[in-house]
Amino acid sequence: MKHRIDPKIDCVFKALLGSEENRNLLVHFLNAILTSDLSAPITEAEILNPYNDKEFLDDKLSVVDVKAKDSEGRFS
């Protein structure tokens, strides 16, 4: 059965993986996608404001996609 909502659309993807209610889904998704690149599995993800404010007038606005902590306490 094909679903009517496509999870590859950015706003749907963000709604699924960018909400506090689905934090466990985000952790499982990251571990599944990054399994070969991780030395230890991710155990928690905290959804934060993704924007890094400018400190100086000439700075550019930057957006961080994901910050995650692995089972050894390291952030990436």
C-alpha atoms as a PDB file:
ATOM      1  CA  MET A   1       0.000   0.000   0.000  1.00  0.00           C
ATOM      2  CA  LYS A   2       1.447   3.353  -1.017  1.00  0.00           C
ATOM      3  CA  HIS A   3       1.161   6.209   1.478  1.00  0.00           C
ATOM      4  CA  ARG A   4      -0.242   9.523   0.347  1.00  0.00           C
ATOM      5  CA  ILE A   5       2.442  11.510   2.203  1.00  0.00           C
ATOM      6  CA  ASP A   6       5.955  11.255   0.771  1.00  0.00           C
ATOM      7  CA  PRO A   7       8.550  11.276   3.608  1.00  0.00           C
ATOM      8  CA  LYS A   8      11.211  12.504   1.162  1.00  0.00           C
ATOM      9  CA  ILE A   9       9.549  15.931   0.950  1.00  0.00           C
ATOM     10  CA  ASP A  10      11.538  18.262   3.191  1.00  0.00           C
ATOM     11  CA  CYS A  11       8.645  19.566   5.301  1.00  0.00           C
ATOM     12  CA  VAL A  12       7.363  16.012   5.914  1.00  0.00           C
ATOM     13  CA  PHE A  13      10.880  14.800   6.725  1.00  0.00           C
ATOM     14  CA  LYS A  14      11.324  17.650   9.199  1.00  0.00           C
ATOM     15  CA  ALA A  15       7.934  16.962  10.780  1.00  0.00           C
ATOM     16  CA  LEU A  16       8.850  13.284  11.236  1.00  0.00           C
ATOM     17  CA  LEU A  17      12.430  13.633  12.443  1.00  0.00           C
ATOM     18  CA  GLY A  18      12.512  17.187  13.784  1.00  0.00           C
ATOM     19  CA  SER A  19       9.953  16.939  16.562  1.00  0.00           C
ATOM     20  CA  GLU A  20      10.482  16.124  20.226  1.00  0.00           C
ATOM     21  CA  GLU A  21       7.797  13.428  20.066  1.00  0.00           C
ATOM     22  CA  ASN A  22       9.832  11.527  17.464  1.00  0.00           C
ATOM     23  CA  ARG A  23      13.284  11.884  19.010  1.00  0.00           C
ATOM     24  CA  ASN A  24      13.712   8.091  19.280  1.00  0.00           C
ATOM     25  CA  LEU A  25      12.878   7.778  15.580  1.00  0.00           C
ATOM     26  CA  LEU A  26      15.606  10.348  14.835  1.00  0.00           C
ATOM     27  CA  VAL A  27      18.189   8.394  16.862  1.00  0.00           C
ATOM     28  CA  HIS A  28      17.313   5.133  15.112  1.00  0.00           C
ATOM     29  CA  PHE A  29      17.370   6.834  11.704  1.00  0.00           C
ATOM     30  CA  LEU A  30      20.817   8.371  12.325  1.00  0.00           C
ATOM     31  CA  ASN A  31      22.243   5.062  13.545  1.00  0.00           C
ATOM     32  CA  ALA A  32      20.851   3.239  10.505  1.00  0.00           C
ATOM     33  CA  ILE A  33      22.220   5.782   8.031  1.00  0.00           C
ATOM     34  CA  LEU A  34      25.590   6.388   9.715  1.00  0.00           C
ATOM     35  CA  THR A  35      26.322   2.881  11.025  1.00  0.00           C
ATOM     36  CA  SER A  36      29.549   2.435   9.037  1.00  0.00           C
ATOM     37  CA  ASP A  37      30.837   5.929   9.964  1.00  0.00           C
ATOM     38  CA  LEU A  38      30.226   5.737  13.725  1.00  0.00           C
ATOM     39  CA  SER A  39      32.668   4.293  16.220  1.00  0.00           C
ATOM     40  CA  ALA A  40      29.809   3.962  18.714  1.00  0.00           C
ATOM     41  CA  PRO A  41      26.045   4.178  18.216  1.00  0.00           C
ATOM     42  CA  ILE A  42      24.208   7.419  18.888  1.00  0.00           C
ATOM     43  CA  THR A  43      22.233   7.134  22.109  1.00  0.00           C
ATOM     44  CA  GLU A  44      20.510  10.498  22.285  1.00  0.00           C
ATOM     45  CA  ALA A  45      19.677  13.471  20.115  1.00  0.00           C
ATOM     46  CA  GLU A  46      18.604  16.843  21.406  1.00  0.00           C
ATOM     47  CA  ILE A  47      16.642  18.955  18.973  1.00  0.00           C
ATOM     48  CA  LEU A  48      17.926  22.501  19.326  1.00  0.00           C
ATOM     49  CA  ASN A  49      17.464  25.770  17.520  1.00  0.00           C
ATOM     50  CA  PRO A  50      19.407  25.094  14.291  1.00  0.00           C
ATOM     51  CA  TYR A  51      20.437  28.714  13.725  1.00  0.00           C
ATOM     52  CA  ASN A  52      23.801  30.021  14.899  1.00  0.00           C
ATOM     53  CA  ASP A  53      23.395  33.727  15.548  1.00  0.00           C
ATOM     54  CA  LYS A  54      25.774  36.221  14.042  1.00  0.00           C
ATOM     55  CA  GLU A  55      28.353  37.606  16.444  1.00  0.00           C
ATOM     56  CA  PHE A  56      29.585  40.358  14.134  1.00  0.00           C
ATOM     57  CA  LEU A  57      27.896  42.390  11.408  1.00  0.00           C
ATOM     58  CA  ASP A  58      29.960  40.719   8.669  1.00  0.00           C
ATOM     59  CA  ASP A  59      29.243  37.163   9.865  1.00  0.00           C
ATOM     60  CA  LYS A  60      27.051  34.875   7.812  1.00  0.00           C
ATOM     61  CA  LEU A  61      24.072  33.074   9.240  1.00  0.00           C
ATOM     62  CA  SER A  62      24.761  29.364   9.611  1.00  0.00           C
ATOM     63  CA  VAL A  63      22.372  26.485  10.168  1.00  0.00           C
ATOM     64  CA  VAL A  64      23.422  23.239  11.859  1.00  0.00           C
ATOM     65  CA  ASP A  65      21.507  20.230  10.612  1.00  0.00           C
ATOM     66  CA  VAL A  66      22.136  17.733  13.423  1.00  0.00           C
ATOM     67  CA  LYS A  67      24.110  17.610  16.646  1.00  0.00           C
ATOM     68  CA  ALA A  68      24.238  14.134  18.197  1.00  0.00           C
ATOM     69  CA  LYS A  69      25.917  12.414  21.167  1.00  0.00           C
ATOM     70  CA  ASP A  70      27.165   8.834  20.897  1.00  0.00           C
ATOM     71  CA  SER A  71      27.226   6.136  23.578  1.00  0.00           C
ATOM     72  CA  GLU A  72      30.736   7.243  24.592  1.00  0.00           C
ATOM     73  CA  GLY A  73      29.547  10.800  25.328  1.00  0.00           C
ATOM     74  CA  ARG A  74      31.091  12.442  22.256  1.00  0.00           C
ATOM     75  CA  PHE A  75      29.192  15.056  20.281  1.00  0.00           C
ATOM     76  CA  SER A  76      29.231  15.170  16.507  1.00  0.00           C
END
